Protein backbone atom coordinates (compact mmCIF):
# COMPACT_ATOMS: atom_id res chain seq x y z
CA MET A 1 -3.98 20.11 0.79
CA THR A 2 -4.05 23.37 2.74
CA LYS A 3 -1.78 23.76 5.75
CA ARG A 4 -4.30 25.90 7.58
CA LEU A 5 -8.04 26.47 7.77
CA ASP A 6 -9.47 29.81 6.72
CA PRO A 7 -12.18 30.69 9.27
CA GLU A 8 -13.94 32.81 6.66
CA LYS A 9 -14.50 29.67 4.57
CA HIS A 10 -15.74 27.53 7.47
CA SER A 11 -18.84 28.97 9.08
CA TRP A 12 -18.69 26.60 12.05
CA MET A 13 -15.43 28.28 13.12
CA THR A 14 -16.93 31.76 13.19
CA ALA A 15 -20.39 30.84 14.48
CA GLU A 16 -21.36 32.71 17.63
CA PRO A 17 -21.58 29.58 19.85
CA THR A 18 -18.13 28.39 18.72
CA CYS A 19 -16.55 31.79 19.29
CA ALA A 20 -18.12 32.08 22.75
CA VAL A 21 -16.69 28.74 23.89
CA MET A 22 -13.24 29.36 22.43
CA ALA A 23 -13.11 32.85 23.91
CA ALA A 24 -13.92 31.52 27.37
CA LEU A 25 -11.24 28.81 27.16
CA THR A 26 -8.47 30.99 25.71
CA LYS A 27 -9.03 34.02 27.94
CA ASP A 28 -6.06 35.08 30.10
CA GLY A 29 -3.57 32.80 28.37
CA GLY A 30 -5.69 29.67 28.20
CA GLU A 31 -5.17 27.29 25.28
CA ALA A 32 -7.78 25.44 23.23
CA ARG A 33 -7.81 23.86 19.78
CA PHE A 34 -10.38 22.19 17.58
CA VAL A 35 -9.60 18.49 17.24
CA GLY A 36 -10.58 15.36 15.38
CA GLY A 37 -13.54 15.11 13.07
CA ALA A 38 -14.23 18.81 12.66
CA VAL A 39 -10.67 19.49 11.50
CA ARG A 40 -10.52 16.36 9.35
CA ASN A 41 -13.81 17.09 7.59
CA ALA A 42 -13.02 20.76 7.10
CA LEU A 43 -9.77 19.87 5.36
CA ILE A 44 -11.53 17.69 2.78
CA GLY A 45 -14.58 19.91 2.40
CA ALA A 46 -16.97 17.51 4.12
CA LYS A 47 -19.82 18.57 6.36
CA VAL A 48 -18.91 19.37 9.98
CA ASP A 49 -21.66 18.23 12.36
CA GLU A 50 -19.91 18.14 15.73
CA VAL A 51 -17.13 20.36 17.02
CA ASP A 52 -14.79 18.86 19.63
CA ILE A 53 -12.21 20.93 21.48
CA ALA A 54 -9.02 19.91 23.28
CA THR A 55 -7.32 21.93 25.98
CA PRO A 56 -4.55 21.61 28.61
CA LEU A 57 -6.97 23.12 31.14
CA THR A 58 -8.26 20.72 33.79
CA PRO A 59 -11.98 19.86 33.81
CA ASP A 60 -12.47 22.02 36.92
CA GLU A 61 -10.86 24.99 35.21
CA VAL A 62 -12.86 24.39 32.04
CA THR A 63 -16.06 24.39 34.08
CA ARG A 64 -15.06 27.53 35.96
CA ARG A 65 -14.27 29.42 32.78
CA LEU A 66 -17.44 28.36 30.97
CA GLU A 67 -19.67 29.31 33.87
CA ALA A 68 -17.87 32.64 34.32
CA ALA A 69 -18.70 33.39 30.67
CA GLY A 70 -22.37 32.54 31.24
CA LEU A 71 -22.17 29.27 29.33
CA GLY A 72 -23.38 25.85 30.36
CA ALA A 73 -20.97 23.20 31.61
CA VAL A 74 -22.14 19.58 31.92
CA PRO A 75 -19.72 16.92 33.29
CA THR A 76 -20.65 14.29 30.69
CA GLY A 77 -17.39 12.33 30.89
CA ILE A 78 -15.54 13.90 33.75
CA GLU A 79 -13.53 10.75 34.58
CA HIS A 80 -12.01 10.99 31.11
CA GLY A 81 -11.68 14.77 31.23
CA THR A 82 -14.72 15.69 29.13
CA VAL A 83 -17.02 18.60 29.90
CA THR A 84 -19.83 19.45 27.48
CA ALA A 85 -20.01 23.19 26.93
CA ILE A 86 -23.43 24.58 26.02
CA ALA A 87 -23.46 27.86 24.10
CA PHE A 88 -26.71 29.25 22.69
CA GLY A 89 -28.17 25.76 22.89
CA ARG A 90 -25.34 24.10 20.99
CA PRO A 91 -23.10 21.45 22.64
CA PHE A 92 -19.30 21.24 22.36
CA GLU A 93 -17.26 18.44 23.91
CA VAL A 94 -14.26 19.98 25.65
CA THR A 95 -11.67 17.41 26.73
CA THR A 96 -8.49 17.89 28.73
CA LEU A 97 -5.31 16.60 27.06
CA ARG A 98 -4.75 12.98 28.12
CA ARG A 99 -2.36 10.09 28.07
CA ASP A 100 -3.26 6.44 28.65
CA VAL A 101 -2.21 4.89 31.95
CA SER A 102 -3.72 1.45 31.28
CA THR A 103 -6.13 -0.20 28.83
CA ASP A 104 -8.04 -3.50 28.80
CA GLY A 105 -9.39 -3.70 25.27
CA ARG A 106 -12.61 -1.85 26.11
CA ARG A 107 -11.76 1.22 28.14
CA ALA A 108 -8.74 3.21 29.24
CA VAL A 109 -7.58 4.71 32.51
CA VAL A 110 -6.18 8.12 31.64
CA ALA A 111 -4.08 10.84 33.24
CA PHE A 112 -4.22 14.48 32.28
CA THR A 113 -1.26 16.11 30.58
CA LYS A 114 -0.26 19.45 29.13
CA ASP A 115 1.64 17.85 26.26
CA TRP A 116 -0.22 18.12 22.95
CA ASN A 117 1.91 15.38 21.41
CA GLU A 118 1.03 12.93 24.18
CA ASP A 119 -2.62 13.60 23.52
CA ALA A 120 -2.13 13.00 19.78
CA GLN A 121 -0.26 9.75 20.36
CA ARG A 122 -3.19 8.16 22.25
CA ARG A 123 -5.66 8.71 19.39
CA ASP A 124 -6.45 5.95 16.93
CA PHE A 125 -5.76 7.17 13.37
CA THR A 126 -3.46 9.87 12.11
CA MET A 127 -6.33 11.69 10.38
CA ASN A 128 -8.11 11.97 13.75
CA ALA A 129 -5.11 13.51 15.53
CA LEU A 130 -5.26 16.88 13.79
CA TYR A 131 -5.69 20.10 15.75
CA ALA A 132 -6.52 23.64 14.67
CA SER A 133 -6.50 26.90 16.60
CA ALA A 134 -9.32 29.41 16.41
CA ASP A 135 -7.43 31.36 13.72
CA GLY A 136 -7.01 28.23 11.58
CA ALA A 137 -3.40 27.25 12.28
CA LEU A 138 -2.98 23.47 11.90
CA PHE A 139 -1.02 21.21 14.26
CA ASP A 140 -0.06 17.78 12.93
CA SER A 141 2.59 15.75 14.74
CA VAL A 142 1.69 12.34 13.27
CA GLY A 143 1.44 12.90 9.51
CA GLY A 144 -2.33 13.02 9.49
CA VAL A 145 -2.65 15.67 6.78
CA ALA A 146 -0.62 13.62 4.30
CA ASP A 147 -2.58 10.45 5.13
CA LEU A 148 -5.88 12.28 4.76
CA GLU A 149 -4.83 13.62 1.38
CA LYS A 150 -3.90 10.11 0.20
CA GLY A 151 -7.02 8.52 1.68
CA ARG A 152 -4.92 6.29 3.93
CA VAL A 153 -6.48 5.24 7.23
CA ARG A 154 -3.36 4.55 9.29
CA PHE A 155 -3.02 3.76 12.96
CA ILE A 156 -0.74 5.94 15.07
CA GLY A 157 2.15 3.73 16.10
CA ASP A 158 1.88 -0.07 16.14
CA ALA A 159 -1.51 -1.17 14.77
CA ALA A 160 -1.74 -4.36 16.86
CA ALA A 161 -0.96 -2.47 20.06
CA ARG A 162 -3.57 0.19 19.28
CA ILE A 163 -6.19 -2.48 18.66
CA ARG A 164 -5.39 -4.25 21.93
CA GLU A 165 -6.05 -0.97 23.72
CA ASP A 166 -9.63 -0.95 22.39
CA TYR A 167 -10.96 -3.66 20.09
CA LEU A 168 -13.61 -1.29 18.76
CA ARG A 169 -10.79 0.15 16.65
CA ILE A 170 -11.13 -2.88 14.39
CA LEU A 171 -14.59 -1.71 13.35
CA ARG A 172 -13.48 1.92 13.26
CA LEU A 173 -10.72 0.98 10.81
CA PHE A 174 -13.29 -0.27 8.30
CA ARG A 175 -15.80 2.48 9.00
CA PHE A 176 -13.23 5.24 8.45
CA HIS A 177 -11.94 3.62 5.29
CA ALA A 178 -15.51 3.39 3.95
CA TRP A 179 -15.91 7.14 4.47
CA TYR A 180 -12.42 8.55 3.88
CA GLY A 181 -10.25 5.85 2.35
CA LYS A 182 -8.98 5.56 -1.20
CA GLY A 183 -7.75 2.34 -2.75
CA PRO A 184 -6.86 -0.74 -0.69
CA LEU A 185 -6.83 -0.70 3.10
CA ASP A 186 -3.54 -0.35 4.93
CA GLU A 187 -2.17 -3.90 4.99
CA SER A 188 -0.53 -3.69 8.43
CA ALA A 189 -3.81 -2.42 9.88
CA MET A 190 -5.73 -5.21 8.12
CA ALA A 191 -3.42 -7.89 9.44
CA ALA A 192 -3.70 -6.53 12.98
CA ALA A 193 -7.48 -6.36 12.71
CA ALA A 194 -7.74 -9.96 11.54
CA ALA A 195 -5.38 -11.15 14.26
CA GLY A 196 -7.34 -9.34 16.99
CA LYS A 197 -10.89 -10.10 15.80
CA ALA A 198 -11.68 -12.39 18.74
CA GLY A 199 -11.44 -9.34 20.99
CA LEU A 200 -14.68 -8.02 19.48
CA ALA A 201 -16.52 -10.39 21.82
CA GLN A 202 -15.51 -8.13 24.72
CA LEU A 203 -17.40 -5.14 23.33
CA SER A 204 -20.91 -4.10 24.28
CA GLY A 205 -23.66 -4.39 21.72
CA GLU A 206 -24.27 -0.67 21.84
CA ARG A 207 -20.71 0.15 20.80
CA ILE A 208 -20.76 -2.39 17.97
CA GLN A 209 -24.15 -1.12 16.80
CA LYS A 210 -22.94 2.47 16.65
CA GLU A 211 -19.91 1.65 14.52
CA MET A 212 -21.70 -0.76 12.19
CA LEU A 213 -24.57 1.62 11.50
CA LYS A 214 -22.10 4.41 10.70
CA LEU A 215 -20.28 2.05 8.35
CA LEU A 216 -23.54 1.02 6.65
CA ALA A 217 -24.43 4.69 6.17
CA ALA A 218 -21.37 5.23 3.94
CA PRO A 219 -22.06 5.90 0.24
CA ASP A 220 -20.58 2.49 -0.65
CA PRO A 221 -19.76 0.23 2.30
CA MET A 222 -19.44 -2.91 0.14
CA PRO A 223 -15.66 -3.00 -0.46
CA VAL A 224 -14.84 -2.90 3.26
CA LEU A 225 -17.66 -5.30 4.16
CA LEU A 226 -16.29 -7.80 1.66
CA GLU A 227 -12.83 -7.42 3.23
CA MET A 228 -14.37 -7.93 6.68
CA ALA A 229 -16.10 -11.08 5.46
CA THR A 230 -12.93 -12.40 3.82
CA ARG A 231 -10.92 -11.83 7.00
CA GLY A 232 -13.56 -13.53 9.18
CA ILE A 233 -14.40 -10.33 11.04
CA LEU A 234 -18.09 -10.07 10.13
CA MET A 235 -18.84 -13.52 11.53
CA GLU A 236 -17.56 -12.34 14.91
CA ILE A 237 -20.42 -9.84 15.24
CA LEU A 238 -23.17 -10.95 12.83
CA PRO A 239 -25.03 -14.21 12.11
CA HIS A 240 -23.81 -16.63 9.45
CA GLY A 241 -25.41 -16.64 6.03
CA LEU A 242 -25.24 -12.90 5.42
CA ARG A 243 -26.87 -11.53 2.24
CA LEU A 244 -24.03 -9.42 0.94
CA ASP A 245 -25.50 -9.81 -2.54
CA ARG A 246 -28.77 -8.16 -1.51
CA LEU A 247 -27.04 -5.38 0.36
CA SER A 248 -24.84 -4.72 -2.68
CA ARG A 249 -27.93 -4.35 -4.83
CA MET A 250 -29.54 -2.01 -2.29
CA VAL A 251 -26.43 0.19 -2.30
CA GLU A 252 -26.48 0.30 -6.11
CA ILE A 253 -30.18 1.21 -6.09
CA ASP A 254 -29.65 3.93 -3.48
CA ASN A 255 -26.86 5.56 -5.44
CA ALA A 256 -28.57 5.25 -8.81
CA ASN A 257 -31.82 6.78 -7.55
CA ASN A 258 -30.47 9.40 -5.13
CA LEU A 259 -32.03 7.60 -2.17
CA ALA A 260 -30.58 8.50 1.21
CA ALA A 261 -28.52 5.71 2.73
CA ASP A 262 -30.57 4.13 5.52
CA PRO A 263 -28.31 2.06 7.81
CA ILE A 264 -31.17 0.19 9.52
CA LEU A 265 -32.68 -0.77 6.18
CA ARG A 266 -29.24 -1.78 4.90
CA LEU A 267 -28.77 -3.93 7.99
CA ALA A 268 -32.11 -5.59 7.20
CA ALA A 269 -30.86 -6.32 3.68
CA LEU A 270 -27.60 -7.79 5.02
CA LEU A 271 -29.15 -10.16 7.54
CA PRO A 272 -30.06 -13.78 6.65
CA ASP A 273 -33.64 -14.57 5.70
CA THR A 274 -34.63 -16.13 9.01
CA LEU A 275 -36.57 -14.66 11.90
CA PHE A 276 -34.10 -16.19 14.35
CA SER A 277 -31.14 -14.40 12.73
CA ILE A 278 -32.93 -11.06 12.73
CA LEU A 279 -33.86 -11.34 16.41
CA GLU A 280 -30.37 -12.62 17.27
CA CYS A 281 -28.78 -9.56 15.66
CA ALA A 282 -31.31 -7.18 17.22
CA ASP A 283 -30.43 -8.54 20.66
CA ARG A 284 -26.68 -8.54 20.01
CA PHE A 285 -26.74 -4.94 18.77
CA ARG A 286 -29.18 -3.81 21.46
CA LEU A 287 -31.42 -2.28 18.81
CA SER A 288 -34.32 -0.14 19.96
CA ASN A 289 -37.80 -1.61 19.69
CA ALA A 290 -38.54 0.80 16.85
CA ASP A 291 -35.49 -0.30 14.82
CA ARG A 292 -36.23 -3.97 15.50
CA GLU A 293 -39.77 -3.50 14.20
CA ARG A 294 -38.51 -1.66 11.10
CA ILE A 295 -36.29 -4.61 10.20
CA LEU A 296 -39.06 -7.11 10.82
CA THR A 297 -41.53 -5.09 8.75
CA ALA A 298 -39.14 -4.76 5.84
CA ALA A 299 -37.91 -8.33 5.84
CA GLN A 300 -40.94 -10.33 6.99
CA THR A 301 -43.86 -8.56 5.30
CA ILE A 302 -45.28 -10.67 2.48
CA GLY A 303 -47.74 -10.00 -0.33
CA PHE A 304 -47.86 -9.19 -4.02
CA LEU A 305 -46.22 -5.97 -5.10
CA THR A 306 -46.36 -5.51 -8.85
CA ASN A 307 -48.56 -2.48 -9.51
CA ALA A 308 -50.13 0.66 -8.04
CA ARG A 309 -53.09 -1.25 -6.63
CA ASP A 310 -50.77 -3.54 -4.65
CA ALA A 311 -48.87 -0.47 -3.46
CA ARG A 312 -52.04 1.23 -2.17
CA ARG A 313 -52.94 -1.90 -0.23
CA HIS A 314 -49.53 -1.99 1.45
CA ILE A 315 -49.47 1.74 2.17
CA TYR A 316 -52.81 1.41 3.92
CA LYS A 317 -51.67 -1.53 6.05
CA LEU A 318 -48.07 -0.48 6.76
CA GLY A 319 -48.27 3.30 6.65
CA PRO A 320 -46.07 5.38 4.30
CA ASN A 321 -42.83 4.79 6.22
CA GLY A 322 -43.38 1.07 6.66
CA PHE A 323 -44.24 0.81 2.97
CA ARG A 324 -41.02 2.61 1.98
CA ASP A 325 -38.99 0.13 4.00
CA PHE A 326 -40.88 -2.85 2.62
CA LEU A 327 -40.63 -1.66 -0.98
CA ARG A 328 -36.93 -0.80 -0.84
CA PHE A 329 -36.20 -4.20 0.69
CA ARG A 330 -38.20 -5.96 -2.03
CA TRP A 331 -36.56 -3.81 -4.71
CA ALA A 332 -33.14 -5.04 -3.54
CA SER A 333 -34.38 -8.63 -3.22
CA GLU A 334 -36.06 -9.12 -6.58
CA VAL A 335 -35.18 -8.64 -10.20
CA GLY A 336 -38.48 -8.04 -11.94
CA ALA A 337 -40.74 -5.80 -13.96
CA PRO A 338 -42.28 -3.43 -11.39
CA ASP A 339 -41.62 0.27 -11.85
CA TRP A 340 -40.02 0.53 -8.43
CA PRO A 341 -39.38 4.32 -8.44
CA ALA A 342 -43.00 5.01 -9.39
CA LEU A 343 -44.26 2.73 -6.63
CA LEU A 344 -41.95 4.41 -4.14
CA ARG A 345 -43.29 7.85 -5.08
CA MET A 346 -46.76 6.66 -4.14
CA ALA A 347 -45.74 6.71 -0.48
CA ASP A 348 -45.62 10.51 -0.82
CA THR A 349 -48.51 11.03 -3.22
CA TRP A 350 -51.24 8.57 -2.21
CA ILE A 351 -52.98 9.35 1.08
CA ALA A 352 -54.89 6.45 2.59
CA GLN A 353 -58.38 7.42 3.71
CA GLU A 354 -59.80 6.29 7.02
CA PHE A 355 -62.05 3.25 6.98
CA PRO A 356 -65.51 4.87 7.16
CA ILE A 357 -67.28 2.16 9.20
CA ASN A 358 -66.97 1.48 12.94
CA GLY A 359 -68.36 -0.81 15.60
CA ASN A 360 -71.42 1.34 16.20
CA ASP A 361 -72.41 0.90 12.56
CA VAL A 362 -72.08 -2.86 12.91
CA MET A 363 -74.26 -2.97 16.02
CA ALA A 364 -76.81 -0.71 14.34
CA ALA A 365 -77.03 -3.31 11.59
CA GLY A 366 -78.27 -5.81 14.17
CA ILE A 367 -75.09 -7.70 15.01
CA PRO A 368 -74.84 -8.16 18.81
CA GLU A 369 -71.86 -7.12 20.92
CA GLY A 370 -69.00 -9.57 21.15
CA PRO A 371 -66.37 -11.10 18.86
CA ARG A 372 -68.70 -10.89 15.84
CA ILE A 373 -68.34 -7.09 15.86
CA GLY A 374 -64.60 -7.24 15.24
CA ASN A 375 -64.88 -10.15 12.81
CA THR A 376 -67.49 -8.32 10.77
CA LEU A 377 -65.39 -5.18 10.65
CA LEU A 378 -62.39 -7.19 9.40
CA ILE A 379 -64.45 -8.88 6.69
CA LEU A 380 -65.88 -5.55 5.60
CA GLU A 381 -62.50 -3.81 5.61
CA ASP A 382 -60.89 -6.62 3.60
CA TRP A 383 -63.62 -6.29 0.99
CA TRP A 384 -63.13 -2.50 0.88
CA ILE A 385 -59.39 -2.95 0.37
CA GLU A 386 -59.99 -5.60 -2.30
CA GLN A 387 -62.21 -3.10 -4.11
CA ASP A 388 -59.23 -0.71 -4.11
CA PHE A 389 -60.84 1.58 -1.52
CA ARG A 390 -63.50 2.72 -4.01
CA PRO A 391 -66.72 1.90 -2.07
CA ASP A 392 -67.94 4.90 -0.06
CA ARG A 393 -69.74 4.80 3.26
CA LEU A 394 -73.13 4.17 1.68
CA ALA A 395 -71.80 1.24 -0.34
CA LEU A 396 -70.12 -0.17 2.77
CA LEU A 397 -73.36 0.12 4.78
CA ALA A 398 -75.15 -1.77 2.02
CA ARG A 399 -72.47 -4.45 2.13
CA LEU A 400 -72.79 -4.54 5.91
CA LYS A 401 -76.52 -5.07 5.60
CA ASP A 402 -75.91 -8.12 3.41
CA LEU A 403 -73.37 -9.46 5.89
CA SER A 404 -75.74 -9.00 8.82
CA LYS A 405 -78.29 -11.21 7.14
CA ASN A 406 -75.80 -14.03 7.22
């Protein structure tokens, strides 16, 4: 693996917003280095989405320099030394070098330092403690490059001690292995994670949700999820009776059909087949109302789904997105004859028309105002759907006339 990054091969390093922020921080002898995920991903040729920067400069000095350069400076995590730089509309987290003063399993009290090695030592995994200067020089004091090359997710220092500092690192261990690991997980890390699993109860639902959804978004999260189940870690954060078999099938289907991994849909597949379990997980993970409804739609919607006619009915009732969720969930749940890919394509190709009859039409047919208006519309719409949406407005008005007589 390369010992430096070539800026000419990594457009994020030479992009105008990146250069503007780095120039402001390194002016007049200032120091700044890229750190963490951007460096890690660049080394293995993975996509770089976010660029984080570390510096010995204090938050006040970072803010002063950014503003002097005409850039935005937002104190997003000032108590932990983080200022978000805004350059040409793009955000960069700039964090002062830190060392831990105290930890309680959820959060740390930090002190600023000018020692790059101290900052590296407080990070979780060796592959996340890599730094690179603007010209691509790499700085690795913990063996992160070698671990990254081998696909080894290894804690910096004593694994049990690092987990006690923040129990979220248990979930991060599995998430990072799902994305970057090769072969079996580091045994000392696994043992520490299993021993500290009770500490997960201290974590907020939002933090657990974030890590679990990132894990579920991995190309194949099944090996680490099976390890988590074997070690009793999954039961600390999810209901009993998990459907690992269904999730495994969904992952296989996704990869075989080039379907984008959908972590919310994969969570729906993993959860037990009870409404109580779904709602329990939604509350524990603090899911948004939209995500809760997606899971309920996918897992609780019932009805035949064997052919194009069934698909049109569901697309009309659920909408294209709701139908995609429902179909992919059913695809992973059932082993049967339907041509699932063809049905899925219908969500893009079949456009549901608007029901051409309204309440005014019903009243014009002689049905008085009140509940009968809505009931008549429902009866008429159900008949239209049953006829596979073929009857036009004239046919529906004729059907309405017959209904009004009764």
